[in-house]
Protein backbone atom coordinates (compact mmCIF):
# COMPACT_ATOMS: atom_id res chain seq x y z
CA UNK A 1 3.95 -16.83 20.81
CA UNK A 2 3.88 -19.80 18.92
CA UNK A 3 1.14 -19.88 15.66
CA UNK A 4 -1.05 -22.49 14.82
CA UNK A 5 -0.84 -23.54 11.10
CA UNK A 6 -3.38 -25.38 9.10
CA UNK A 7 -3.12 -27.29 5.90
CA UNK A 8 -5.53 -27.21 3.14
CA UNK A 9 -5.14 -29.60 0.86
CA UNK A 10 -6.82 -30.97 -2.09
CA UNK A 11 -6.76 -32.32 -5.53
CA UNK A 12 -8.34 -31.30 -8.93
CA UNK A 13 -8.01 -27.90 -10.65
CA UNK A 14 -5.53 -26.47 -8.40
CA UNK A 15 -2.77 -28.95 -9.76
CA UNK A 16 -3.13 -27.41 -12.92
CA UNK A 17 -3.03 -23.66 -11.85
CA UNK A 18 -6.40 -23.16 -12.60
CA UNK A 19 -7.82 -23.31 -8.91
CA UNK A 20 -4.86 -22.49 -6.87
CA UNK A 21 -6.54 -22.49 -3.75
CA UNK A 22 -5.25 -25.41 -1.66
CA UNK A 23 -1.97 -24.67 0.26
CA UNK A 24 -0.26 -24.48 3.45
CA UNK A 25 -1.13 -21.13 5.15
CA UNK A 26 -0.49 -19.48 8.54
CA UNK A 27 -3.71 -19.57 10.50
CA UNK A 28 -4.48 -16.28 12.73
CA UNK A 29 -2.60 -16.17 15.91
CA UNK A 30 -3.21 -13.96 18.79
CA UNK A 31 -0.62 -11.51 17.58
CA UNK A 32 -1.64 -11.06 14.01
CA UNK A 33 -5.56 -11.25 14.27
CA UNK A 34 -5.90 -7.78 12.72
CA UNK A 35 -4.77 -7.35 9.10
CA UNK A 36 -3.26 -4.64 6.98
CA UNK A 37 -4.50 -5.88 3.69
CA UNK A 38 -2.67 -3.14 1.33
CA UNK A 39 -0.19 -0.66 1.45
CA UNK A 40 -1.79 2.46 3.32
CA UNK A 41 -4.06 0.32 4.81
CA UNK A 42 -7.40 0.81 2.81
CA UNK A 43 -8.64 1.00 -0.59
CA UNK A 44 -9.13 4.95 0.43
CA UNK A 45 -5.54 5.10 1.14
CA UNK A 46 -5.89 6.45 4.63
CA UNK A 47 -2.95 4.64 6.37
CA UNK A 48 -5.46 3.92 9.87
CA UNK A 49 -6.57 1.04 11.00
CA UNK A 50 -9.24 2.27 13.97
CA UNK A 51 -8.82 -1.19 15.64
CA UNK A 52 -4.90 -1.62 15.08
CA UNK A 53 -2.30 -0.95 17.73
CA UNK A 54 1.48 -0.57 17.62
CA UNK A 55 4.47 0.28 19.90
CA UNK A 56 4.23 3.61 21.71
CA UNK A 57 7.85 3.56 23.33
CA UNK A 58 11.22 2.40 22.24
CA UNK A 59 10.28 -0.67 20.93
CA UNK A 60 11.95 -4.13 21.23
CA UNK A 61 12.33 -6.51 18.24
CA UNK A 62 9.80 -9.50 18.60
CA UNK A 63 11.47 -11.37 15.32
CA UNK A 64 13.21 -10.71 12.05
CA UNK A 65 12.59 -12.56 9.01
CA UNK A 66 14.91 -12.85 6.14
CA UNK A 67 13.88 -11.53 3.01
CA UNK A 68 17.39 -12.67 1.43
CA UNK A 69 17.25 -9.50 -0.84
CA UNK A 70 15.07 -6.34 -1.23
CA UNK A 71 16.57 -5.22 -4.83
CA UNK A 72 16.54 -1.63 -4.13
CA UNK A 73 16.95 1.38 -1.73
CA UNK A 74 13.27 2.26 -1.18
CA UNK A 75 11.65 -1.22 0.36
CA UNK A 76 7.97 -1.28 -0.58
CA UNK A 77 5.84 -1.84 2.91
CA UNK A 78 4.69 -5.02 4.10
CA UNK A 79 0.71 -6.41 3.97
CA UNK A 80 -0.52 -8.41 6.85
CA UNK A 81 -3.54 -11.12 5.98
CA UNK A 82 -5.09 -13.97 7.99
CA UNK A 83 -1.66 -14.29 10.17
CA UNK A 84 0.60 -13.86 7.21
CA UNK A 85 3.23 -11.18 6.19
CA UNK A 86 3.95 -10.47 2.77
CA UNK A 87 7.30 -8.40 1.85
CA UNK A 88 10.03 -8.09 -0.74
CA UNK A 89 10.87 -5.76 -3.65
CA UNK A 90 12.24 -8.62 -6.03
CA UNK A 91 10.81 -11.93 -4.74
CA UNK A 92 7.64 -11.77 -2.45
CA UNK A 93 7.97 -13.64 0.60
CA UNK A 94 5.16 -14.90 3.04
CA UNK A 95 6.29 -14.99 6.76
CA UNK A 96 4.53 -16.29 9.38
CA UNK A 97 3.01 -13.09 11.67
CA UNK A 98 3.90 -14.65 14.76
CA UNK A 99 7.45 -16.19 14.39
CA UNK A 100 8.94 -14.72 11.01
CA UNK A 101 9.36 -17.94 9.73
CA UNK A 102 9.32 -17.77 5.92
CA UNK A 103 6.38 -20.05 4.79
CA UNK A 104 6.90 -19.58 0.89
CA UNK A 105 7.78 -17.34 -1.86
CA UNK A 106 6.72 -16.31 -5.05
CA UNK A 107 8.87 -15.82 -8.14
CA UNK A 108 10.05 -12.52 -9.84
CA UNK A 109 7.35 -10.65 -11.83
CA UNK A 110 9.09 -8.12 -13.97
CA UNK A 111 12.21 -7.46 -11.39
CA UNK A 112 10.17 -4.68 -9.75
CA UNK A 113 6.41 -4.83 -8.05
CA UNK A 114 4.85 -3.00 -5.45
CA UNK A 115 3.29 -4.08 -2.57
CA UNK A 116 0.42 -6.67 -2.95
CA UNK A 117 -2.89 -5.88 -2.04
CA UNK A 118 -5.80 -8.54 -0.70
CA UNK A 119 -8.63 -9.25 -2.62
CA UNK A 120 -11.46 -11.64 -1.83
CA UNK A 121 -12.78 -14.20 -4.60
CA UNK A 122 -15.77 -16.33 -5.50
CA UNK A 123 -14.06 -19.12 -6.56
CA UNK A 124 -10.75 -20.03 -4.58
CA UNK A 125 -10.33 -20.86 -1.18
CA UNK A 126 -7.86 -18.73 -0.47
CA UNK A 127 -7.62 -15.04 -1.42
CA UNK A 128 -5.97 -13.47 -4.23
CA UNK A 129 -3.04 -11.02 -3.80
CA UNK A 130 -2.50 -8.34 -6.39
CA UNK A 131 0.59 -6.81 -7.33
CA UNK A 132 1.75 -4.39 -9.82
CA UNK A 133 4.78 -4.88 -12.14
CA UNK A 134 6.20 -3.12 -15.12
CA UNK A 135 4.71 -5.79 -17.06
CA UNK A 136 1.25 -5.56 -15.91
CA UNK A 137 -0.86 -6.60 -12.98
CA UNK A 138 -0.46 -10.09 -11.64
CA UNK A 139 -2.86 -11.97 -9.46
CA UNK A 140 -1.28 -14.46 -6.93
CA UNK A 141 -2.49 -17.15 -4.88
CA UNK A 142 -2.53 -15.85 -1.21
CA UNK A 143 -1.95 -19.30 0.10
CA UNK A 144 1.08 -19.84 -2.16
CA UNK A 145 -0.06 -22.72 -4.24
CA UNK A 146 0.01 -26.58 -3.85
CA UNK A 147 2.93 -28.50 -3.50
CA UNK A 148 3.07 -31.67 -6.23
CA UNK A 149 6.37 -33.88 -6.29
CA UNK A 150 8.15 -31.25 -4.72
CA UNK A 151 6.69 -28.60 -7.00
CA UNK A 152 4.42 -25.88 -6.02
CA UNK A 153 1.78 -25.08 -8.78
CA UNK A 154 -0.88 -22.50 -8.73
CA UNK A 155 0.90 -19.58 -7.25
CA UNK A 156 0.06 -17.29 -9.99
CA UNK A 157 -3.65 -17.04 -10.90
CA UNK A 158 -3.64 -14.71 -13.63
CA UNK A 159 -2.11 -11.70 -15.61
CA UNK A 160 -4.12 -8.71 -16.35
CA UNK A 161 -3.44 -6.09 -19.07
CA UNK A 162 -0.18 -4.69 -19.97
CA UNK A 163 2.61 -4.85 -21.89
CA UNK A 164 6.46 -5.22 -20.96
CA UNK A 165 8.38 -1.79 -20.93
CA UNK A 166 11.22 -1.02 -23.06
CA UNK A 167 14.58 -1.74 -21.26
CA UNK A 168 16.24 1.38 -19.59
CA UNK A 169 19.50 2.28 -18.00
CA UNK A 170 17.91 3.63 -14.95
CA UNK A 171 16.37 0.03 -14.39
CA UNK A 172 12.68 -0.94 -14.14
CA UNK A 173 10.29 1.71 -13.07
CA UNK A 174 8.17 1.58 -9.58
CA UNK A 175 4.73 0.28 -10.15
CA UNK A 176 1.93 2.06 -7.79
CA UNK A 177 0.38 -0.17 -5.82
CA UNK A 178 -3.08 -1.71 -6.73
CA UNK A 179 -5.85 -1.18 -4.33
CA UNK A 180 -9.24 -3.79 -3.67
CA UNK A 181 -12.50 -3.42 -2.98
CA UNK A 182 -14.22 -7.10 -2.25
CA UNK A 183 -13.93 -8.67 -5.40
CA UNK A 184 -12.43 -5.91 -7.73
CA UNK A 185 -8.83 -4.74 -8.13
CA UNK A 186 -8.36 -1.12 -9.22
CA UNK A 187 -4.78 -0.53 -10.37
CA UNK A 188 -2.39 1.76 -12.86
CA UNK A 189 -1.76 -0.01 -16.34
CA UNK A 190 2.13 0.20 -17.03
CA UNK A 191 3.57 2.36 -19.45
CA UNK A 192 0.43 4.02 -20.08
CA UNK A 193 -2.03 6.81 -17.46
CA UNK A 194 -4.81 4.33 -17.73
CA UNK A 195 -7.12 3.25 -14.60
CA UNK A 196 -8.30 -0.06 -14.95
CA UNK A 197 -10.66 -2.01 -12.91
CA UNK A 198 -10.18 -6.02 -13.06
CA UNK A 199 -11.95 -8.99 -11.53
CA UNK A 200 -10.02 -10.43 -8.77
CA UNK A 201 -11.21 -14.09 -9.80
CA UNK A 202 -9.63 -14.01 -13.26
CA UNK A 203 -7.95 -10.31 -13.84
CA UNK A 204 -10.56 -10.09 -16.35
CA UNK A 205 -10.99 -6.06 -17.26
CA UNK A 206 -14.09 -4.59 -16.02
CA UNK A 207 -13.27 -1.28 -17.44
CA UNK A 208 -10.09 1.03 -18.56
CA UNK A 209 -10.22 4.52 -18.71
CA UNK A 210 -7.55 6.96 -19.64
CA UNK A 211 -6.64 9.35 -17.09
CA UNK A 212 -6.86 13.27 -18.16
CA UNK A 213 -3.25 14.83 -18.65
CA UNK A 214 -2.55 12.49 -21.87
CA UNK A 215 0.61 9.91 -22.92
CA UNK A 216 3.19 10.57 -20.30
CA UNK A 217 4.66 6.94 -19.04
CA UNK A 218 3.98 6.80 -15.72
CA UNK A 219 1.64 9.45 -14.97
CA UNK A 220 -1.21 8.19 -12.38
CA UNK A 221 -0.68 7.51 -8.97
CA UNK A 222 -2.26 4.88 -6.81
CA UNK A 223 -5.74 5.44 -7.05
CA UNK A 224 -7.94 5.61 -3.66
CA UNK A 225 -11.65 4.27 -3.54
CA UNK A 226 -14.49 5.39 -1.36
CA UNK A 227 -17.85 4.32 -1.95
CA UNK A 228 -18.92 4.49 -5.53
CA UNK A 229 -15.86 6.72 -6.88
CA UNK A 230 -12.63 6.25 -7.61
CA UNK A 231 -9.86 8.69 -7.42
CA UNK A 232 -6.85 9.33 -9.15
CA UNK A 233 -4.01 12.10 -9.35
CA UNK A 234 -1.21 12.63 -11.83
CA UNK A 235 1.71 13.97 -13.00
CA UNK A 236 1.92 17.15 -12.89
CA UNK A 237 -1.02 18.63 -11.79
CA UNK A 238 -4.34 16.68 -12.84
CA UNK A 239 -6.82 15.23 -10.30
CA UNK A 240 -10.06 13.00 -11.48
CA UNK A 241 -12.83 10.83 -9.96
CA UNK A 242 -14.33 7.88 -12.03
CA UNK A 243 -17.55 5.92 -11.17
CA UNK A 244 -16.46 2.83 -9.45
CA UNK A 245 -18.62 0.47 -11.19
CA UNK A 246 -18.45 1.69 -14.83
CA UNK A 247 -15.32 3.84 -15.04
CA UNK A 248 -17.35 6.72 -16.56
CA UNK A 249 -15.80 10.22 -15.41
CA UNK A 250 -17.47 12.24 -12.83
CA UNK A 251 -15.16 15.12 -12.56
CA UNK A 252 -11.49 16.19 -13.51
CA UNK A 253 -9.57 19.33 -12.18
CA UNK A 254 -6.23 20.87 -12.95
CA UNK A 255 -4.29 22.74 -10.27
CA UNK A 256 -4.28 26.28 -11.10
CA UNK A 257 -0.53 26.96 -10.98
CA UNK A 258 0.64 23.54 -12.21
CA UNK A 259 1.84 22.41 -8.71
CA UNK A 260 2.91 18.75 -8.86
CA UNK A 261 0.53 16.27 -7.25
CA UNK A 262 1.30 13.27 -5.20
CA UNK A 263 -1.34 10.23 -4.46
CA UNK A 264 -4.89 10.84 -3.02
CA UNK A 265 -6.66 9.75 0.18
CA UNK A 266 -10.30 9.56 0.09
CA UNK A 267 -12.15 10.70 2.93
CA UNK A 268 -15.93 11.19 4.00
CA UNK A 269 -15.44 14.78 3.16
CA UNK A 270 -13.93 14.31 -0.48
CA UNK A 271 -10.45 13.35 -1.61
CA UNK A 272 -7.47 15.03 -0.13
CA UNK A 273 -4.65 15.70 -2.88
CA UNK A 274 -1.33 16.51 -1.40
CA UNK A 275 1.12 18.58 -3.85
CA UNK A 276 4.65 19.41 -3.73
CA UNK A 277 3.81 22.88 -1.67
CA UNK A 278 0.96 21.73 0.17
CA UNK A 279 -2.40 19.80 0.20
CA UNK A 280 -5.88 20.39 -1.02
CA UNK A 281 -9.28 19.02 -0.15
CA UNK A 282 -11.60 18.49 -3.04
CA UNK A 283 -15.50 17.85 -2.41
CA UNK A 284 -17.51 15.17 -4.32
CA UNK A 285 -18.67 17.70 -6.97
CA UNK A 286 -14.85 18.64 -7.74
CA UNK A 287 -14.70 21.81 -5.77
CA UNK A 288 -11.82 23.01 -3.51
CA UNK A 289 -13.24 23.18 -0.04
CA UNK A 290 -9.60 24.45 1.08
CA UNK A 291 -6.19 24.82 0.04
CA UNK A 292 -3.19 25.03 2.15
CA UNK A 293 -0.12 25.98 0.98
CA UNK A 294 2.92 24.91 3.26
CA UNK A 295 5.68 26.16 1.21
CA UNK A 296 6.93 22.47 1.23
CA UNK A 297 9.19 20.69 -1.54
CA UNK A 298 7.65 17.05 -1.55
CA UNK A 299 7.47 15.06 -4.77
CA UNK A 300 6.81 11.60 -2.86
CA UNK A 301 4.72 10.32 -0.19
CA UNK A 302 0.98 10.78 0.74
CA UNK A 303 -1.28 11.78 3.44
CA UNK A 304 -2.88 9.92 6.28
CA UNK A 305 -6.18 10.74 7.63
CA UNK A 306 -7.51 9.91 10.91
CA UNK A 307 -10.02 10.87 13.54
CA UNK A 308 -10.94 14.03 11.46
CA UNK A 309 -7.06 15.22 10.97
CA UNK A 310 -4.73 14.97 8.25
CA UNK A 311 -1.07 13.94 8.38
CA UNK A 312 1.24 15.11 5.78
CA UNK A 313 5.02 16.32 5.95
CA UNK A 314 6.09 19.12 3.26
CA UNK A 315 9.23 17.50 2.44
CA UNK A 316 11.25 20.23 3.36
CA UNK A 317 10.85 21.60 7.27
CA UNK A 318 7.94 19.88 8.99
CA UNK A 319 5.08 17.24 9.68
CA UNK A 320 2.03 19.04 10.06
CA UNK A 321 -1.66 17.63 11.28
CA UNK A 322 -4.36 19.73 9.81
CA UNK A 323 -8.24 19.60 10.38
CA UNK A 324 -9.84 17.92 7.75
CA UNK A 325 -13.00 20.12 7.63
CA UNK A 326 -10.82 23.24 7.31
CA UNK A 327 -7.31 22.94 6.66
CA UNK A 328 -6.43 24.78 9.99
CA UNK A 329 -3.54 23.57 11.92
CA UNK A 330 -3.47 21.69 14.65
CA UNK A 331 0.01 21.01 15.24
CA UNK A 332 3.43 21.02 13.31
CA UNK A 333 6.76 19.36 14.21
CA UNK A 334 10.20 19.63 12.49
CA UNK A 335 10.32 16.80 10.07
CA UNK A 336 12.79 17.49 6.84
CA UNK A 337 11.80 14.22 4.67
CA UNK A 338 9.24 13.10 2.24
CA UNK A 339 7.38 10.03 3.99
CA UNK A 340 4.22 8.47 4.27
CA UNK A 341 2.67 8.30 7.58
CA UNK A 342 0.55 5.66 8.81
CA UNK A 343 -1.72 5.97 12.33
CA UNK A 344 -2.78 3.58 15.07
CA UNK A 345 -3.76 3.65 18.28
CA UNK A 346 -2.78 7.49 18.86
CA UNK A 347 0.88 7.17 17.31
CA UNK A 348 1.67 8.52 13.93
CA UNK A 349 4.57 6.42 12.70
CA UNK A 350 7.01 7.71 9.78
CA UNK A 351 9.89 5.94 8.30
CA UNK A 352 12.17 8.10 5.75
CA UNK A 353 15.60 6.33 4.71
CA UNK A 354 17.27 5.00 7.56
CA UNK A 355 15.03 6.45 10.49
CA UNK A 356 11.73 5.33 12.05
CA UNK A 357 9.71 7.65 14.10
CA UNK A 358 6.86 7.95 16.43
CA UNK A 359 4.91 10.79 17.09
CA UNK A 360 1.62 11.39 19.70
CA UNK A 361 -1.13 11.92 16.95
CA UNK A 362 -2.88 14.49 19.55
CA UNK A 363 0.30 16.53 20.25
CA UNK A 364 3.02 15.93 17.74
CA UNK A 365 5.45 14.88 20.33
CA UNK A 366 8.16 12.61 19.57
CA UNK A 367 7.81 9.08 21.09
CA UNK A 368 10.65 7.30 19.82
CA UNK A 369 13.28 6.99 17.25
CA UNK A 370 14.97 3.62 15.74
CA UNK A 371 17.74 3.57 13.12
CA UNK A 372 18.50 1.50 10.50
CA UNK A 373 21.80 0.60 8.79
CA UNK A 374 19.70 0.47 5.58
CA UNK A 375 16.28 1.59 4.55
CA UNK A 376 13.08 1.17 6.14
CA UNK A 377 9.84 0.87 4.19
CA UNK A 378 6.73 2.32 5.60
CA UNK A 379 5.29 0.15 8.31
CA UNK A 380 2.14 -2.11 8.57
CA UNK A 381 0.41 -1.89 11.64
CA UNK A 382 -1.43 -5.22 13.60
CA UNK A 383 -2.25 -6.14 17.43
CA UNK A 384 0.38 -4.34 19.58
CA UNK A 385 2.92 -5.02 16.39
CA UNK A 386 4.35 -2.74 14.06
CA UNK A 387 5.81 -4.85 11.00
CA UNK A 388 8.23 -2.76 8.83
CA UNK A 389 11.12 -3.98 6.17
CA UNK A 390 14.38 -3.07 7.47
CA UNK A 391 16.74 -3.55 4.30
CA UNK A 392 17.00 -7.32 3.69
CA UNK A 393 14.49 -8.42 6.48
CA UNK A 394 11.12 -7.71 7.99
CA UNK A 395 10.76 -6.37 11.58
CA UNK A 396 8.20 -7.33 13.98
CA UNK A 397 8.48 -4.21 16.60
CA UNK A 398 6.32 -4.40 19.92
CA UNK A 399 6.69 -2.38 23.42
CA UNK A 400 8.29 -4.25 26.22
CA UNK A 401 6.07 -6.90 27.81
C-alpha cells in the first residue's frame, strides 16, 4: 500500500539545531495508524497494545527494509511512531512503516544504544526520541532534522547526564532503554545505578536517585512507570518504588534468597518482577502478594501482562501464562529460551535467537514458527503487521490477504 508523505519546512532556530522540528516525515498510512512508541510498548512495560493486531498464521513478508548492519547478535526491538519505524543498533534508521523505504538515519551514539522511546514536547513541531547509550541519554528529533544545503541539522536536541565509560575488551555495554510519559523521560544513568527523570524538551534533570544496592556498574534495569510511581529492579535482588514527580523513595525490598532480578512490569495490581527462578507480584505497599518458584534459569528477558495474565519464560523449559491475581498456572508450553514476549489480539509473540514463535494467548497452542539466518529482535505490533529486526534488516510480517 503506498504511503503519503508530507514535508514540514521552516527556517529559524531549527537551522541552528535549537529547534529541530522541521523535517520530512512519513505521514500515517492505513497500515501504520497504530503505534508502538517504545520497547515493550508502554512505560509500564506490559508488552501489550489492546488495539493492535499482528499475523495469526504463517505470515508473509510485506516488505524488508535495509539497516546496513546491526552491530551485534542481539538486535534491539523496533518502535513505531506516526507511520515511521525506528530501528538499528549502531546507526538508528527511520523507515516508512508502509513500504520499508529508508527515510533518514541518525549518527552513531556511543557505538551501542538502546531502542528509542518517543516523548511529546511542548516546544517542537515533531516528537522527541530518547535513546540510552553508554555515554548518556540522548534526545533526537523524531523527524530527522532539517536539510540545509545538503546537510541535515537538528537531528540531536540534547544529551542528558552521563559520562563515557572506560574502554573494555568486551566492547560497549548494552544500555537499558528509557521510558517516556508525556514530556518526561525516565532512564538509567550509565556507569551508575541511578534512576533519572529528564525533561523531553531539553534533557534537563528533574531528579536523580541512587538505586538501592550500591555502586555496582549497570545495576538497574529498564524502569516501569504507572501512575505516580516509578518501579525499578537491580542486580542482584533489589526492588524499589520512587515517586514519579519528585523521585522520593516510596519503598524498597530485597528478595529473601538473593535470587537475581530481571526488568519489572507495572500493573493495576502492583509490580511484577521476574527473577532467575520465578516471578513475584509486589503490591503498592511493597508487600509481596504472591511468588511463584518456576525452578527456572533466566537472566534475561521480561514478562508481558495482558488481559489479567502474566506471560513469562523460565529460560529453561517452559513459557507460562499465570493468573495476575493469584500467580496460579493458566497454561504452560515447552519453550527453552530466555525471551521477552509481546501480546496483541490474542497472540503471544516470542523471539529467541533465530526463531520467532507465535502462541495462542488463551490456550498456549503454537500458531506459527519463523526461522532466521541471523538473529531476531523482540517485535513491535501495529495494525495487522508485526515489525521485527532480522539481522541487518527490518521485516514487516502480515497474514496472507
